[in-house]
């Protein structure tokens, strides 16, 4: 049996509206002070992936 929406009268949100809402919330929250992973326990495959990203000009 398929699940039913909790409020069938409400309209679904568009992707564009969702993206605007996310951008607004991020601006309101400001910069987050989450420390980056130190990387001391990375596998060789992860290290190779990050090197490849850096080599093509990406930033991780």
N, C-alpha and C. Protein backbone atom coordinates (compact mmCIF):
# COMPACT_ATOMS: atom_id res chain seq x y z
N UNK A 1 0.84 -1.17 0.00
CA UNK A 1 0.00 0.00 0.00
C UNK A 1 0.89 1.24 0.00
N UNK A 2 0.61 2.16 -0.87
CA UNK A 2 1.39 3.39 -0.96
C UNK A 2 1.05 4.32 0.19
N UNK A 3 2.06 5.03 0.67
CA UNK A 3 1.80 5.98 1.76
C UNK A 3 1.12 7.22 1.20
N UNK A 4 0.34 7.86 2.04
CA UNK A 4 -0.39 9.05 1.64
C UNK A 4 0.24 10.27 2.28
N UNK A 5 0.21 11.41 1.60
CA UNK A 5 0.74 12.63 2.22
C UNK A 5 -0.07 13.02 3.44
N UNK A 6 0.59 13.64 4.39
CA UNK A 6 -0.10 14.01 5.63
C UNK A 6 -1.15 15.09 5.39
N UNK A 7 -0.93 15.95 4.41
CA UNK A 7 -1.89 17.00 4.10
C UNK A 7 -2.07 17.03 2.58
N UNK A 8 -3.03 16.30 2.06
CA UNK A 8 -3.18 16.23 0.60
C UNK A 8 -3.55 17.56 -0.04
N UNK A 9 -4.02 18.54 0.73
CA UNK A 9 -4.40 19.83 0.17
C UNK A 9 -3.18 20.72 -0.11
N UNK A 10 -2.03 20.42 0.51
CA UNK A 10 -0.85 21.28 0.31
C UNK A 10 -0.17 20.95 -1.01
N UNK A 11 0.41 22.00 -1.63
CA UNK A 11 1.10 21.82 -2.90
C UNK A 11 2.56 21.46 -2.64
N UNK A 12 3.16 20.66 -3.52
CA UNK A 12 4.58 20.35 -3.36
C UNK A 12 5.43 21.59 -3.64
N UNK A 13 6.56 21.69 -2.99
CA UNK A 13 7.46 22.83 -3.19
C UNK A 13 8.33 22.57 -4.43
N UNK A 14 8.59 23.61 -5.18
CA UNK A 14 9.44 23.45 -6.37
C UNK A 14 10.90 23.41 -5.94
N UNK A 15 11.73 22.86 -6.80
CA UNK A 15 13.16 22.79 -6.51
C UNK A 15 13.76 24.20 -6.40
N UNK A 16 13.30 25.11 -7.23
CA UNK A 16 13.80 26.48 -7.19
C UNK A 16 13.46 27.15 -5.86
N UNK A 17 12.24 26.95 -5.39
CA UNK A 17 11.84 27.54 -4.11
C UNK A 17 12.62 26.92 -2.96
N UNK A 18 12.85 25.62 -3.04
CA UNK A 18 13.63 24.94 -2.01
C UNK A 18 15.06 25.49 -1.98
N UNK A 19 15.67 25.67 -3.16
CA UNK A 19 17.04 26.19 -3.24
C UNK A 19 17.11 27.61 -2.66
N UNK A 20 16.11 28.44 -2.96
CA UNK A 20 16.09 29.80 -2.39
C UNK A 20 15.98 29.75 -0.87
N UNK A 21 15.16 28.84 -0.35
CA UNK A 21 14.98 28.72 1.10
C UNK A 21 16.27 28.25 1.76
N UNK A 22 16.96 27.29 1.15
CA UNK A 22 18.23 26.80 1.70
C UNK A 22 19.26 27.93 1.71
N UNK A 23 19.35 28.68 0.62
CA UNK A 23 20.31 29.79 0.54
C UNK A 23 20.00 30.84 1.60
N UNK A 24 18.72 31.14 1.81
CA UNK A 24 18.33 32.12 2.83
C UNK A 24 18.72 31.64 4.21
N UNK A 25 18.46 30.37 4.49
CA UNK A 25 18.80 29.83 5.82
C UNK A 25 20.31 29.83 6.05
N UNK A 26 21.07 29.51 5.02
CA UNK A 26 22.54 29.52 5.17
C UNK A 26 23.04 30.93 5.45
N UNK A 27 22.47 31.92 4.76
CA UNK A 27 22.87 33.31 4.99
C UNK A 27 22.53 33.76 6.40
N UNK A 28 21.37 33.35 6.89
CA UNK A 28 20.95 33.73 8.23
C UNK A 28 21.81 33.06 9.30
N UNK A 29 22.23 31.83 9.05
CA UNK A 29 23.02 31.09 10.04
C UNK A 29 24.44 31.61 10.13
N UNK A 30 24.95 32.18 9.05
CA UNK A 30 26.33 32.66 9.05
C UNK A 30 27.32 31.52 8.90
N UNK A 31 28.60 31.82 8.98
CA UNK A 31 29.61 30.77 8.81
C UNK A 31 29.60 29.79 9.98
N UNK A 32 29.76 28.53 9.66
CA UNK A 32 29.79 27.50 10.68
C UNK A 32 31.23 27.19 11.05
N UNK A 33 31.48 27.04 12.31
CA UNK A 33 32.83 26.76 12.80
C UNK A 33 32.98 25.27 13.06
N UNK A 34 32.96 24.49 12.00
CA UNK A 34 33.12 23.05 12.12
C UNK A 34 34.56 22.71 11.73
N UNK A 35 35.29 22.08 12.63
CA UNK A 35 36.68 21.75 12.29
C UNK A 35 36.74 20.68 11.20
N UNK A 36 37.71 20.80 10.32
CA UNK A 36 37.88 19.82 9.26
C UNK A 36 38.50 18.56 9.82
N UNK A 37 38.27 17.48 9.14
CA UNK A 37 38.86 16.20 9.52
C UNK A 37 40.37 16.28 9.36
N UNK A 38 41.11 15.80 10.35
CA UNK A 38 42.57 15.86 10.29
C UNK A 38 43.15 14.97 9.20
N UNK A 39 42.45 13.92 8.84
CA UNK A 39 42.89 13.04 7.76
C UNK A 39 43.92 12.02 8.17
N UNK A 40 44.13 11.83 9.45
CA UNK A 40 45.17 10.90 9.90
C UNK A 40 44.80 9.45 9.67
N UNK A 41 43.53 9.14 9.46
CA UNK A 41 43.10 7.75 9.28
C UNK A 41 42.53 7.50 7.89
N UNK A 42 42.94 8.27 6.89
CA UNK A 42 42.43 8.09 5.54
C UNK A 42 43.05 6.87 4.87
N UNK A 43 42.24 6.19 4.08
CA UNK A 43 42.73 5.05 3.32
C UNK A 43 43.55 5.56 2.14
N UNK A 44 44.34 4.67 1.56
CA UNK A 44 45.14 5.05 0.40
C UNK A 44 44.25 5.46 -0.77
N UNK A 45 43.11 4.80 -0.93
CA UNK A 45 42.22 5.16 -2.03
C UNK A 45 41.64 6.57 -1.84
N UNK A 46 41.34 6.93 -0.60
CA UNK A 46 40.82 8.28 -0.33
C UNK A 46 41.91 9.30 -0.57
N UNK A 47 43.14 9.01 -0.15
CA UNK A 47 44.25 9.93 -0.39
C UNK A 47 44.47 10.13 -1.88
N UNK A 48 44.38 9.04 -2.65
CA UNK A 48 44.55 9.14 -4.11
C UNK A 48 43.43 9.98 -4.72
N UNK A 49 42.21 9.80 -4.24
CA UNK A 49 41.09 10.59 -4.74
C UNK A 49 41.30 12.07 -4.46
N UNK A 50 41.72 12.41 -3.26
CA UNK A 50 41.92 13.81 -2.91
C UNK A 50 43.08 14.42 -3.71
N UNK A 51 44.13 13.63 -3.97
CA UNK A 51 45.23 14.12 -4.82
C UNK A 51 44.74 14.39 -6.23
N UNK A 52 43.90 13.49 -6.76
CA UNK A 52 43.37 13.66 -8.12
C UNK A 52 42.48 14.92 -8.19
N UNK A 53 41.70 15.15 -7.17
CA UNK A 53 40.87 16.37 -7.13
C UNK A 53 41.76 17.61 -7.13
N UNK A 54 42.81 17.58 -6.32
CA UNK A 54 43.73 18.72 -6.25
C UNK A 54 44.45 18.94 -7.58
N UNK A 55 44.84 17.84 -8.24
CA UNK A 55 45.57 17.93 -9.51
C UNK A 55 44.77 18.58 -10.62
N UNK A 56 43.43 18.44 -10.59
CA UNK A 56 42.61 19.06 -11.63
C UNK A 56 42.12 20.45 -11.21
N UNK A 57 42.64 20.93 -10.08
CA UNK A 57 42.32 22.29 -9.67
C UNK A 57 41.19 22.40 -8.66
N UNK A 58 40.70 21.28 -8.18
CA UNK A 58 39.63 21.32 -7.19
C UNK A 58 40.16 21.53 -5.80
N UNK A 59 39.28 21.91 -4.91
CA UNK A 59 39.68 22.12 -3.53
C UNK A 59 38.78 21.30 -2.64
N UNK A 60 39.37 20.52 -1.79
CA UNK A 60 38.58 19.68 -0.90
C UNK A 60 38.62 20.20 0.48
